Amino acid sequence: MATYGFLDVLEEELDKNFPFDFEISWDKRNHAVEVSFLLEAQNAAGVEMVDEDGEVSSDDILFEEAVLFYNPAKSTVNAEDYLTVIPYLPKKGFSREFLAYFALFLKDTSEIGLDALMDFLEDPEAEEFVMEWNQEVFEEGKVGLEEGEFYPYPRY
């Protein structure tokens, strides 16, 4: 039987604070936890978009992004594939307070990203849309965080 450690708390905090569709994927072999989420934007103007596979479409936009929690000693990570990557110490894990802060910061980042995506769709001069994670602001927000109990990396 698995004990899910910080995964359970992460899911609870995202359910409580994150209004977008999300999925948590636990990659046991890579000692990593991925949180992927979708942003939806109506393409009312029918702007033709080219996706990463080279397909052209003027449908509404479903933009998928992901964040990765990883073990720096054991995980293989290509940081460029993610909005951000966050290291963890397996036995320490994360506190509920940190995971609540993370969920709220991800919500704010996603809302800014959705606004930028909608602006992109309305601007005929714009060539690409990129969602950004502001690591400096994220770190500043952690400074006053009072953390209680920590939940370790899941065991199976």
N, C-alpha and C. Protein backbone atom coordinates (compact mmCIF):
# COMPACT_ATOMS: atom_id res chain seq x y z
N MET A 1 0.85 -1.18 0.00
CA MET A 1 0.00 0.00 0.00
C MET A 1 0.89 1.24 0.00
N ALA A 2 0.58 2.18 -0.84
CA ALA A 2 1.37 3.40 -0.94
C ALA A 2 0.89 4.43 0.07
N THR A 3 1.85 5.20 0.59
CA THR A 3 1.48 6.40 1.33
C THR A 3 1.90 7.55 0.42
N TYR A 4 1.00 8.45 0.18
CA TYR A 4 1.20 9.42 -0.89
C TYR A 4 1.85 10.72 -0.46
N GLY A 5 2.22 10.85 0.82
CA GLY A 5 3.00 12.00 1.26
C GLY A 5 2.47 13.31 0.74
N PHE A 6 3.37 14.08 0.14
CA PHE A 6 2.97 15.41 -0.30
C PHE A 6 2.01 15.40 -1.49
N LEU A 7 1.86 14.28 -2.19
CA LEU A 7 0.90 14.22 -3.31
C LEU A 7 -0.53 14.48 -2.85
N ASP A 8 -0.92 13.87 -1.74
CA ASP A 8 -2.28 14.08 -1.22
C ASP A 8 -2.51 15.55 -0.87
N VAL A 9 -1.55 16.14 -0.19
CA VAL A 9 -1.68 17.54 0.23
C VAL A 9 -1.67 18.45 -0.99
N LEU A 10 -0.81 18.16 -1.96
CA LEU A 10 -0.75 18.94 -3.19
C LEU A 10 -2.10 18.91 -3.89
N GLU A 11 -2.70 17.73 -4.02
CA GLU A 11 -4.00 17.62 -4.67
C GLU A 11 -5.07 18.39 -3.90
N GLU A 12 -5.07 18.28 -2.58
CA GLU A 12 -6.04 19.03 -1.76
C GLU A 12 -5.90 20.53 -1.98
N GLU A 13 -4.69 21.03 -1.98
CA GLU A 13 -4.46 22.47 -2.13
C GLU A 13 -4.81 22.95 -3.53
N LEU A 14 -4.51 22.15 -4.55
CA LEU A 14 -4.89 22.53 -5.91
C LEU A 14 -6.41 22.50 -6.07
N ASP A 15 -7.07 21.48 -5.50
CA ASP A 15 -8.54 21.43 -5.55
C ASP A 15 -9.15 22.67 -4.91
N LYS A 16 -8.55 23.12 -3.84
CA LYS A 16 -9.08 24.25 -3.08
C LYS A 16 -8.78 25.60 -3.76
N ASN A 17 -7.61 25.74 -4.36
CA ASN A 17 -7.13 27.06 -4.79
C ASN A 17 -6.89 27.25 -6.28
N PHE A 18 -6.98 26.19 -7.07
CA PHE A 18 -6.61 26.28 -8.48
C PHE A 18 -7.83 26.01 -9.36
N PRO A 19 -8.36 27.03 -10.05
CA PRO A 19 -9.63 26.88 -10.77
C PRO A 19 -9.56 26.22 -12.15
N PHE A 20 -8.38 25.85 -12.60
CA PHE A 20 -8.23 25.27 -13.93
C PHE A 20 -8.17 23.74 -13.84
N ASP A 21 -8.46 23.07 -14.97
CA ASP A 21 -8.34 21.61 -15.02
C ASP A 21 -6.87 21.23 -14.85
N PHE A 22 -6.62 20.25 -13.99
CA PHE A 22 -5.24 19.82 -13.78
C PHE A 22 -5.19 18.31 -13.58
N GLU A 23 -3.99 17.79 -13.74
CA GLU A 23 -3.74 16.37 -13.51
C GLU A 23 -2.38 16.24 -12.83
N ILE A 24 -2.32 15.36 -11.84
CA ILE A 24 -1.06 15.08 -11.15
C ILE A 24 -0.59 13.70 -11.61
N SER A 25 0.63 13.64 -12.12
CA SER A 25 1.21 12.37 -12.57
C SER A 25 2.46 12.08 -11.75
N TRP A 26 2.48 10.91 -11.14
CA TRP A 26 3.60 10.49 -10.31
C TRP A 26 4.46 9.52 -11.11
N ASP A 27 5.66 9.94 -11.47
CA ASP A 27 6.61 9.11 -12.20
C ASP A 27 7.56 8.49 -11.18
N LYS A 28 7.20 7.29 -10.72
CA LYS A 28 7.97 6.63 -9.65
C LYS A 28 9.41 6.35 -10.08
N ARG A 29 9.60 5.92 -11.30
CA ARG A 29 10.95 5.57 -11.76
C ARG A 29 11.88 6.78 -11.81
N ASN A 30 11.30 7.94 -12.14
CA ASN A 30 12.11 9.16 -12.25
C ASN A 30 12.07 9.99 -10.96
N HIS A 31 11.36 9.50 -9.95
CA HIS A 31 11.25 10.21 -8.67
C HIS A 31 10.76 11.64 -8.90
N ALA A 32 9.69 11.77 -9.69
CA ALA A 32 9.18 13.09 -10.06
C ALA A 32 7.65 13.11 -10.01
N VAL A 33 7.13 14.30 -9.79
CA VAL A 33 5.68 14.52 -9.77
C VAL A 33 5.39 15.69 -10.71
N GLU A 34 4.57 15.43 -11.72
CA GLU A 34 4.22 16.46 -12.69
C GLU A 34 2.79 16.93 -12.44
N VAL A 35 2.62 18.24 -12.44
CA VAL A 35 1.29 18.84 -12.38
C VAL A 35 1.08 19.51 -13.73
N SER A 36 0.19 18.94 -14.54
CA SER A 36 -0.13 19.55 -15.84
C SER A 36 -1.50 20.18 -15.74
N PHE A 37 -1.71 21.24 -16.50
CA PHE A 37 -2.98 21.95 -16.45
C PHE A 37 -3.31 22.55 -17.81
N LEU A 38 -4.60 22.86 -17.99
CA LEU A 38 -5.10 23.39 -19.26
C LEU A 38 -5.64 24.80 -19.08
N LEU A 39 -5.31 25.65 -20.03
CA LEU A 39 -5.93 26.96 -20.15
C LEU A 39 -6.75 26.94 -21.42
N GLU A 40 -8.00 27.39 -21.34
CA GLU A 40 -8.89 27.43 -22.50
C GLU A 40 -9.16 28.87 -22.89
N ALA A 41 -9.04 29.17 -24.18
CA ALA A 41 -9.35 30.51 -24.68
C ALA A 41 -10.15 30.38 -25.96
N GLN A 42 -11.21 31.17 -26.05
CA GLN A 42 -12.01 31.17 -27.27
C GLN A 42 -11.27 31.93 -28.35
N ASN A 43 -11.27 31.36 -29.52
CA ASN A 43 -10.64 31.98 -30.68
C ASN A 43 -11.74 32.57 -31.54
N ALA A 44 -12.43 33.58 -31.00
CA ALA A 44 -13.60 34.17 -31.65
C ALA A 44 -13.27 34.76 -33.02
N ALA A 45 -12.08 35.30 -33.17
CA ALA A 45 -11.69 35.90 -34.45
C ALA A 45 -11.26 34.86 -35.47
N GLY A 46 -11.14 33.61 -35.05
CA GLY A 46 -10.74 32.55 -35.97
C GLY A 46 -9.30 32.67 -36.43
N VAL A 47 -8.44 33.18 -35.56
CA VAL A 47 -7.02 33.34 -35.89
C VAL A 47 -6.43 31.96 -36.15
N GLU A 48 -5.73 31.82 -37.28
CA GLU A 48 -5.09 30.55 -37.59
C GLU A 48 -3.81 30.41 -36.77
N MET A 49 -3.70 29.27 -36.11
CA MET A 49 -2.56 28.99 -35.24
C MET A 49 -1.85 27.75 -35.77
N VAL A 50 -0.54 27.72 -35.56
CA VAL A 50 0.25 26.54 -35.89
C VAL A 50 0.70 25.94 -34.56
N ASP A 51 0.31 24.68 -34.32
CA ASP A 51 0.70 24.04 -33.05
C ASP A 51 2.11 23.47 -33.15
N GLU A 52 2.58 22.86 -32.07
CA GLU A 52 3.95 22.35 -32.05
C GLU A 52 4.17 21.19 -33.01
N ASP A 53 3.08 20.57 -33.50
CA ASP A 53 3.20 19.50 -34.49
C ASP A 53 3.12 20.04 -35.92
N GLY A 54 2.99 21.37 -36.07
CA GLY A 54 2.91 21.98 -37.39
C GLY A 54 1.51 22.00 -37.98
N GLU A 55 0.50 21.60 -37.21
CA GLU A 55 -0.88 21.59 -37.69
C GLU A 55 -1.48 22.99 -37.57
N VAL A 56 -2.21 23.42 -38.62
CA VAL A 56 -2.86 24.74 -38.63
C VAL A 56 -4.31 24.56 -38.23
N SER A 57 -4.77 25.43 -37.32
CA SER A 57 -6.14 25.35 -36.84
C SER A 57 -6.63 26.73 -36.44
N SER A 58 -7.94 26.96 -36.58
CA SER A 58 -8.54 28.20 -36.10
C SER A 58 -9.57 27.90 -35.01
N ASP A 59 -9.46 26.72 -34.41
CA ASP A 59 -10.36 26.32 -33.32
C ASP A 59 -10.02 27.09 -32.04
N ASP A 60 -10.89 26.92 -31.03
CA ASP A 60 -10.58 27.48 -29.72
C ASP A 60 -9.27 26.86 -29.24
N ILE A 61 -8.59 27.57 -28.36
CA ILE A 61 -7.25 27.17 -27.93
C ILE A 61 -7.31 26.43 -26.60
N LEU A 62 -6.68 25.27 -26.56
CA LEU A 62 -6.42 24.54 -25.32
C LEU A 62 -4.91 24.55 -25.15
N PHE A 63 -4.44 25.30 -24.17
CA PHE A 63 -3.00 25.43 -23.94
C PHE A 63 -2.64 24.61 -22.72
N GLU A 64 -1.77 23.61 -22.91
CA GLU A 64 -1.35 22.76 -21.79
C GLU A 64 0.04 23.17 -21.33
N GLU A 65 0.19 23.24 -20.02
CA GLU A 65 1.48 23.57 -19.42
C GLU A 65 1.69 22.64 -18.24
N ALA A 66 2.92 22.56 -17.74
CA ALA A 66 3.21 21.65 -16.63
C ALA A 66 4.31 22.20 -15.74
N VAL A 67 4.25 21.77 -14.49
CA VAL A 67 5.26 22.06 -13.47
C VAL A 67 5.76 20.72 -12.97
N LEU A 68 7.04 20.64 -12.63
CA LEU A 68 7.61 19.37 -12.18
C LEU A 68 8.28 19.53 -10.82
N PHE A 69 7.92 18.64 -9.89
CA PHE A 69 8.63 18.50 -8.62
C PHE A 69 9.60 17.33 -8.81
N TYR A 70 10.87 17.51 -8.48
CA TYR A 70 11.85 16.46 -8.78
C TYR A 70 12.88 16.32 -7.66
N ASN A 71 13.50 15.14 -7.63
CA ASN A 71 14.58 14.84 -6.70
C ASN A 71 15.90 15.16 -7.41
N PRO A 72 16.63 16.18 -6.97
CA PRO A 72 17.85 16.56 -7.68
C PRO A 72 18.91 15.45 -7.74
N ALA A 73 18.86 14.50 -6.80
CA ALA A 73 19.85 13.42 -6.79
C ALA A 73 19.47 12.26 -7.69
N LYS A 74 18.18 12.10 -8.02
CA LYS A 74 17.75 10.90 -8.74
C LYS A 74 16.97 11.16 -10.03
N SER A 75 16.38 12.32 -10.18
CA SER A 75 15.52 12.59 -11.33
C SER A 75 16.31 13.06 -12.54
N THR A 76 15.85 12.65 -13.72
CA THR A 76 16.36 13.18 -14.97
C THR A 76 15.34 14.20 -15.45
N VAL A 77 15.79 15.45 -15.62
CA VAL A 77 14.85 16.54 -15.91
C VAL A 77 15.37 17.40 -17.04
N ASN A 78 14.49 17.73 -17.98
CA ASN A 78 14.78 18.75 -18.98
C ASN A 78 13.91 19.95 -18.61
N ALA A 79 14.49 20.90 -17.89
CA ALA A 79 13.75 22.04 -17.35
C ALA A 79 13.02 22.83 -18.43
N GLU A 80 13.52 22.82 -19.65
CA GLU A 80 12.90 23.58 -20.74
C GLU A 80 11.52 23.03 -21.11
N ASP A 81 11.22 21.80 -20.70
CA ASP A 81 9.93 21.19 -21.01
C ASP A 81 8.82 21.64 -20.06
N TYR A 82 9.18 22.43 -19.04
CA TYR A 82 8.22 22.78 -17.99
C TYR A 82 8.16 24.29 -17.76
N LEU A 83 7.03 24.72 -17.23
CA LEU A 83 6.88 26.12 -16.83
C LEU A 83 7.91 26.43 -15.74
N THR A 84 8.06 25.52 -14.80
CA THR A 84 9.12 25.59 -13.80
C THR A 84 9.37 24.19 -13.25
N VAL A 85 10.53 24.01 -12.66
CA VAL A 85 10.86 22.76 -11.97
C VAL A 85 11.23 23.12 -10.54
N ILE A 86 10.73 22.32 -9.59
CA ILE A 86 10.92 22.60 -8.18
C ILE A 86 11.54 21.37 -7.52
N PRO A 87 12.76 21.51 -6.98
CA PRO A 87 13.40 20.36 -6.33
C PRO A 87 12.80 20.09 -4.95
N TYR A 88 12.90 18.84 -4.53
CA TYR A 88 12.46 18.47 -3.18
C TYR A 88 13.50 17.55 -2.55
N LEU A 89 13.51 17.52 -1.23
CA LEU A 89 14.31 16.55 -0.48
C LEU A 89 13.37 15.42 -0.11
N PRO A 90 13.66 14.17 -0.51
CA PRO A 90 12.71 13.06 -0.37
C PRO A 90 12.16 12.86 1.04
N LYS A 91 13.01 12.89 2.04
CA LYS A 91 12.53 12.62 3.39
C LYS A 91 11.83 13.83 4.00
N LYS A 92 12.17 15.02 3.52
CA LYS A 92 11.54 16.23 4.05
C LYS A 92 10.27 16.55 3.28
N GLY A 93 10.34 16.55 1.96
CA GLY A 93 9.18 16.87 1.14
C GLY A 93 8.80 18.33 1.23
N PHE A 94 7.49 18.59 1.38
CA PHE A 94 6.97 19.96 1.42
C PHE A 94 5.96 20.09 2.55
N SER A 95 5.82 21.30 3.04
CA SER A 95 4.80 21.59 4.05
C SER A 95 3.48 21.92 3.35
N ARG A 96 2.38 21.78 4.06
CA ARG A 96 1.08 22.18 3.53
C ARG A 96 1.10 23.67 3.19
N GLU A 97 1.75 24.46 4.03
CA GLU A 97 1.80 25.91 3.80
C GLU A 97 2.51 26.23 2.49
N PHE A 98 3.62 25.53 2.22
CA PHE A 98 4.32 25.75 0.96
C PHE A 98 3.44 25.33 -0.22
N LEU A 99 2.80 24.17 -0.11
CA LEU A 99 1.98 23.67 -1.22
C LEU A 99 0.76 24.57 -1.45
N ALA A 100 0.19 25.15 -0.38
CA ALA A 100 -0.91 26.11 -0.54
C ALA A 100 -0.40 27.36 -1.25
N TYR A 101 0.78 27.84 -0.85
CA TYR A 101 1.39 28.99 -1.51
C TYR A 101 1.65 28.68 -2.98
N PHE A 102 2.21 27.50 -3.25
CA PHE A 102 2.46 27.09 -4.63
C PHE A 102 1.17 27.11 -5.45
N ALA A 103 0.09 26.53 -4.91
CA ALA A 103 -1.19 26.47 -5.64
C ALA A 103 -1.71 27.87 -5.94
N LEU A 104 -1.61 28.77 -4.99
CA LEU A 104 -2.07 30.15 -5.21
C LEU A 104 -1.18 30.87 -6.23
N PHE A 105 0.13 30.66 -6.15
CA PHE A 105 1.03 31.29 -7.10
C PHE A 105 0.79 30.74 -8.50
N LEU A 106 0.56 29.44 -8.61
CA LEU A 106 0.27 28.83 -9.91
C LEU A 106 -1.04 29.38 -10.46
N LYS A 107 -2.04 29.57 -9.60
CA LYS A 107 -3.32 30.16 -10.01
C LYS A 107 -3.08 31.56 -10.59
N ASP A 108 -2.35 32.40 -9.84
CA ASP A 108 -2.07 33.76 -10.30
C ASP A 108 -1.30 33.75 -11.62
N THR A 109 -0.29 32.89 -11.71
CA THR A 109 0.51 32.78 -12.93
C THR A 109 -0.35 32.33 -14.10
N SER A 110 -1.25 31.39 -13.86
CA SER A 110 -2.13 30.87 -14.92
C SER A 110 -3.13 31.92 -15.37
N GLU A 111 -3.66 32.70 -14.43
CA GLU A 111 -4.59 33.77 -14.80
C GLU A 111 -3.90 34.83 -15.64
N ILE A 112 -2.67 35.20 -15.27
CA ILE A 112 -1.89 36.14 -16.07
C ILE A 112 -1.61 35.53 -17.44
N GLY A 113 -1.27 34.25 -17.47
CA GLY A 113 -1.01 33.56 -18.73
C GLY A 113 -2.24 33.50 -19.62
N LEU A 114 -3.41 33.26 -19.03
CA LEU A 114 -4.65 33.22 -19.80
C LEU A 114 -4.95 34.60 -20.39
N ASP A 115 -4.75 35.66 -19.60
CA ASP A 115 -4.94 37.02 -20.11
C ASP A 115 -3.99 37.29 -21.28
N ALA A 116 -2.73 36.87 -21.13
CA ALA A 116 -1.74 37.06 -22.19
C ALA A 116 -2.11 36.26 -23.43
N LEU A 117 -2.66 35.06 -23.24
CA LEU A 117 -3.09 34.24 -24.37
C LEU A 117 -4.23 34.91 -25.11
N MET A 118 -5.18 35.47 -24.37
CA MET A 118 -6.31 36.16 -25.02
C MET A 118 -5.83 37.42 -25.74
N ASP A 119 -4.89 38.15 -25.14
CA ASP A 119 -4.31 39.32 -25.81
C ASP A 119 -3.60 38.89 -27.09
N PHE A 120 -2.89 37.77 -27.02
CA PHE A 120 -2.19 37.24 -28.18
C PHE A 120 -3.17 36.95 -29.32
N LEU A 121 -4.31 36.35 -28.98
CA LEU A 121 -5.30 36.01 -30.00
C LEU A 121 -5.91 37.26 -30.65
N GLU A 122 -5.95 38.35 -29.90
CA GLU A 122 -6.54 39.59 -30.42
C GLU A 122 -5.54 40.47 -31.16
N ASP A 123 -4.26 40.17 -31.07
CA ASP A 123 -3.22 41.00 -31.68
C ASP A 123 -2.71 40.34 -32.96
N PRO A 124 -3.10 40.87 -34.13
CA PRO A 124 -2.68 40.25 -35.39
C PRO A 124 -1.16 40.34 -35.63
N GLU A 125 -0.47 41.22 -34.92
CA GLU A 125 0.97 41.37 -35.09
C GLU A 125 1.77 40.36 -34.25
N ALA A 126 1.14 39.79 -33.23
CA ALA A 126 1.85 38.87 -32.33
C ALA A 126 2.20 37.58 -33.06
N GLU A 127 3.43 37.11 -32.86
CA GLU A 127 3.88 35.92 -33.56
C GLU A 127 3.87 34.66 -32.71
N GLU A 128 4.03 34.82 -31.38
CA GLU A 128 4.01 33.65 -30.52
C GLU A 128 3.53 34.02 -29.12
N PHE A 129 3.04 33.00 -28.42
CA PHE A 129 2.61 33.16 -27.04
C PHE A 129 3.50 32.30 -26.16
N VAL A 130 3.97 32.88 -25.07
CA VAL A 130 4.79 32.15 -24.11
C VAL A 130 4.28 32.49 -22.72
N MET A 131 4.03 31.45 -21.94
CA MET A 131 3.64 31.66 -20.55
C MET A 131 4.90 31.66 -19.70
N GLU A 132 4.96 32.56 -18.70
CA GLU A 132 6.18 32.68 -17.91
C GLU A 132 5.92 32.52 -16.42
N TRP A 133 6.87 31.89 -15.76
CA TRP A 133 6.89 31.71 -14.30
C TRP A 133 7.92 32.71 -13.77
N ASN A 134 7.51 33.59 -12.86
CA ASN A 134 8.42 34.58 -12.31
C ASN A 134 9.07 34.01 -11.04
N GLN A 135 10.23 33.40 -11.21
CA GLN A 135 10.92 32.73 -10.10
C GLN A 135 11.28 33.70 -8.99
N GLU A 136 11.67 34.91 -9.36
CA GLU A 136 12.06 35.90 -8.35
C GLU A 136 10.87 36.24 -7.44
N VAL A 137 9.72 36.48 -8.02
CA VAL A 137 8.52 36.79 -7.23
C VAL A 137 8.11 35.57 -6.40
N PHE A 138 8.23 34.37 -6.98
CA PHE A 138 7.91 33.14 -6.24
C PHE A 138 8.79 33.02 -5.00
N GLU A 139 10.09 33.24 -5.17
CA GLU A 139 11.02 33.15 -4.04
C GLU A 139 10.73 34.21 -2.99
N GLU A 140 10.42 35.43 -3.43
CA GLU A 140 10.10 36.51 -2.49
C GLU A 140 8.87 36.15 -1.65
N GLY A 141 7.89 35.51 -2.27
CA GLY A 141 6.67 35.14 -1.57
C GLY A 141 6.88 34.06 -0.52
N LYS A 142 7.93 33.27 -0.68
CA LYS A 142 8.23 32.20 0.28
C LYS A 142 8.91 32.72 1.54
N VAL A 143 9.46 33.93 1.48
CA VAL A 143 10.28 34.45 2.57
C VAL A 143 9.55 34.45 3.91
N GLY A 144 8.33 34.94 3.98
CA GLY A 144 7.62 35.02 5.26
C GLY A 144 6.77 33.81 5.58
N LEU A 145 6.91 32.75 4.81
CA LEU A 145 6.07 31.57 4.98
C LEU A 145 6.39 30.84 6.28
N GLU A 146 5.39 30.68 7.12
CA GLU A 146 5.57 29.92 8.37
C GLU A 146 5.09 28.50 8.11
N GLU A 147 6.05 27.58 8.07
CA GLU A 147 5.74 26.20 7.72
C GLU A 147 5.59 25.32 8.95
N GLY A 148 4.60 24.45 8.91
CA GLY A 148 4.36 23.51 9.99
C GLY A 148 4.89 22.13 9.63
N GLU A 149 4.00 21.15 9.65
CA GLU A 149 4.37 19.76 9.36
C GLU A 149 4.77 19.60 7.89
N PHE A 150 5.81 18.78 7.68
CA PHE A 150 6.26 18.47 6.32
C PHE A 150 5.77 17.09 5.93
N TYR A 151 5.46 16.95 4.64
CA TYR A 151 4.98 15.69 4.08
C TYR A 151 6.04 15.20 3.10
N PRO A 152 6.60 14.01 3.31
CA PRO A 152 7.70 13.53 2.49
C PRO A 152 7.25 13.09 1.09
N TYR A 153 8.26 12.79 0.28
CA TYR A 153 8.00 12.19 -1.03
C TYR A 153 7.27 10.88 -0.79
N PRO A 154 6.31 10.53 -1.64
CA PRO A 154 5.52 9.30 -1.43
C PRO A 154 6.38 8.05 -1.38
N ARG A 155 5.91 7.09 -0.61
CA ARG A 155 6.56 5.77 -0.54
C ARG A 155 5.60 4.75 -1.12
N TYR A 156 6.16 3.74 -1.74
CA TYR A 156 5.31 2.67 -2.30
C TYR A 156 5.89 1.32 -2.00
